[in-house]
Amino acid sequence: MESLVLTLHILACLILIVLVLLQSGKEGMGVIFGGGSSTVFGSSGAGGLLTKLTAFLAAIFLVTSLVYNVLTSSKPGDESIMTSVPAVTEPAPEKAAPAAKPDDIPVAPAEESAE
């Protein structure tokens, strides 16, 4: 079932790319700078066959994406990689006594030489 959904998804993706690239732009460069018609679909209406096919394939793409996600995420038996790592059973090491600072070390007085 997964391979069927994945195949349909890839086909819909490739055909959708081709359909989008085949469609011509509705406006010129004026659209970039805020120009263009004020109607929702432009002056040519809601579109022709390419627009309807694009919408249909976009819906198929969305549905196959969701179905494939549901099919692959609900597999029983998938285990985490963390279950194969053994648990640590050793106790934590005891804290060592803090090292003495150089100022705390007693220094023997220097011997004076009799020359």
Protein backbone atom coordinates (compact mmCIF):
# COMPACT_ATOMS: atom_id res chain seq x y z
CA MET A 1 0.00 0.00 0.00
CA GLU A 2 2.86 2.33 0.85
CA SER A 3 4.51 1.79 -2.52
CA LEU A 4 1.25 2.55 -4.34
CA VAL A 5 0.72 5.80 -2.44
CA LEU A 6 4.36 6.78 -2.88
CA THR A 7 4.24 6.08 -6.63
CA LEU A 8 1.05 8.12 -7.00
CA HIS A 9 2.61 10.91 -4.96
CA ILE A 10 5.74 11.08 -7.12
CA LEU A 11 3.72 11.00 -10.34
CA ALA A 12 1.44 13.77 -9.09
CA CYS A 13 4.51 15.79 -8.10
CA LEU A 14 6.18 15.48 -11.50
CA ILE A 15 3.00 16.23 -13.47
CA LEU A 16 2.25 19.17 -11.18
CA ILE A 17 5.69 20.64 -11.87
CA VAL A 18 5.15 20.32 -15.62
CA LEU A 19 1.68 21.88 -15.45
CA VAL A 20 2.89 24.85 -13.43
CA LEU A 21 5.73 25.46 -15.85
CA LEU A 22 3.39 25.25 -18.86
CA GLN A 23 1.11 27.99 -17.58
CA SER A 24 1.80 31.45 -18.85
CA GLY A 25 1.96 34.44 -16.57
CA LYS A 26 -1.13 36.63 -16.40
CA GLU A 27 0.68 39.93 -16.16
CA GLY A 28 3.96 41.48 -17.17
CA MET A 29 6.69 42.91 -14.97
CA GLY A 30 4.28 45.52 -13.63
CA VAL A 31 2.93 42.99 -11.12
CA ILE A 32 6.22 43.05 -9.23
CA PHE A 33 5.91 46.76 -8.53
CA GLY A 34 2.24 46.72 -7.53
CA GLY A 35 0.59 47.12 -10.91
CA GLY A 36 -1.92 44.75 -12.42
CA SER A 37 -5.62 44.29 -12.49
CA SER A 38 -7.71 44.61 -9.37
CA THR A 39 -9.87 41.54 -10.00
CA VAL A 40 -9.17 38.29 -8.24
CA PHE A 41 -8.61 36.14 -11.33
CA GLY A 42 -7.37 38.80 -13.72
CA SER A 43 -9.08 39.73 -16.94
CA SER A 44 -9.30 36.20 -18.33
CA GLY A 45 -11.54 34.68 -15.68
CA ALA A 46 -10.93 31.68 -13.46
CA GLY A 47 -8.68 29.88 -15.94
CA GLY A 48 -8.83 27.05 -18.34
CA LEU A 49 -7.99 23.40 -18.42
CA LEU A 50 -4.41 23.82 -17.15
CA THR A 51 -5.57 25.69 -14.07
CA LYS A 52 -8.19 23.07 -13.24
CA LEU A 53 -5.72 20.22 -13.75
CA THR A 54 -3.19 22.02 -11.56
CA ALA A 55 -5.72 22.40 -8.76
CA PHE A 56 -6.76 18.74 -9.08
CA LEU A 57 -3.17 17.50 -8.96
CA ALA A 58 -2.38 19.80 -6.04
CA ALA A 59 -5.24 18.18 -4.14
CA ILE A 60 -3.93 14.70 -5.02
CA PHE A 61 -0.45 15.76 -3.89
CA LEU A 62 -1.82 16.96 -0.55
CA VAL A 63 -3.89 13.83 0.05
CA THR A 64 -1.06 11.44 -0.87
CA SER A 65 1.31 13.37 1.41
CA LEU A 66 -1.03 12.97 4.36
CA VAL A 67 -1.85 9.32 3.62
CA TYR A 68 1.81 8.37 3.24
CA ASN A 69 2.62 10.11 6.51
CA VAL A 70 -0.11 8.17 8.32
CA LEU A 71 0.96 4.86 6.76
CA THR A 72 4.62 5.23 7.65
CA SER A 73 4.25 6.68 11.13
CA SER A 74 1.99 4.00 12.61
CA LYS A 75 4.26 0.99 12.27
CA PRO A 76 4.22 -1.15 15.41
CA GLY A 77 7.56 -2.64 16.23
CA ASP A 78 9.63 0.43 15.50
CA GLU A 79 11.93 0.77 18.43
CA SER A 80 14.07 3.58 19.56
CA ILE A 81 17.81 3.22 19.23
CA MET A 82 18.05 4.15 22.88
CA THR A 83 16.60 0.80 23.98
CA SER A 84 19.71 -1.02 22.77
CA VAL A 85 22.05 1.10 24.92
CA PRO A 86 22.69 -0.54 28.30
CA ALA A 87 21.71 1.43 31.35
CA VAL A 88 24.45 2.72 33.65
CA THR A 89 24.40 0.69 36.87
CA GLU A 90 27.66 1.91 38.44
CA PRO A 91 27.35 4.35 41.32
CA ALA A 92 28.61 7.85 40.83
CA PRO A 93 32.22 8.34 41.96
CA GLU A 94 32.72 9.91 45.36
CA LYS A 95 33.87 13.47 45.43
CA ALA A 96 37.55 13.83 46.25
CA ALA A 97 38.74 16.23 48.90
CA PRO A 98 39.45 19.63 47.44
CA ALA A 99 43.07 20.20 46.57
CA ALA A 100 45.01 22.48 48.86
CA LYS A 101 45.63 25.97 47.61
CA PRO A 102 49.22 27.20 47.41
CA ASP A 103 48.50 29.74 50.17
CA ASP A 104 47.34 27.03 52.58
CA ILE A 105 50.50 24.87 52.34
CA PRO A 106 52.80 25.52 55.30
CA VAL A 107 56.27 26.50 54.27
CA ALA A 108 59.28 25.72 56.46
CA PRO A 109 61.32 28.79 57.35
CA ALA A 110 64.43 29.24 55.31
CA GLU A 111 67.67 28.31 57.03
CA GLU A 112 70.18 31.02 57.38
CA SER A 113 73.67 30.19 56.35
CA ALA A 114 76.61 31.32 58.51
CA GLU A 115 79.16 32.67 56.13
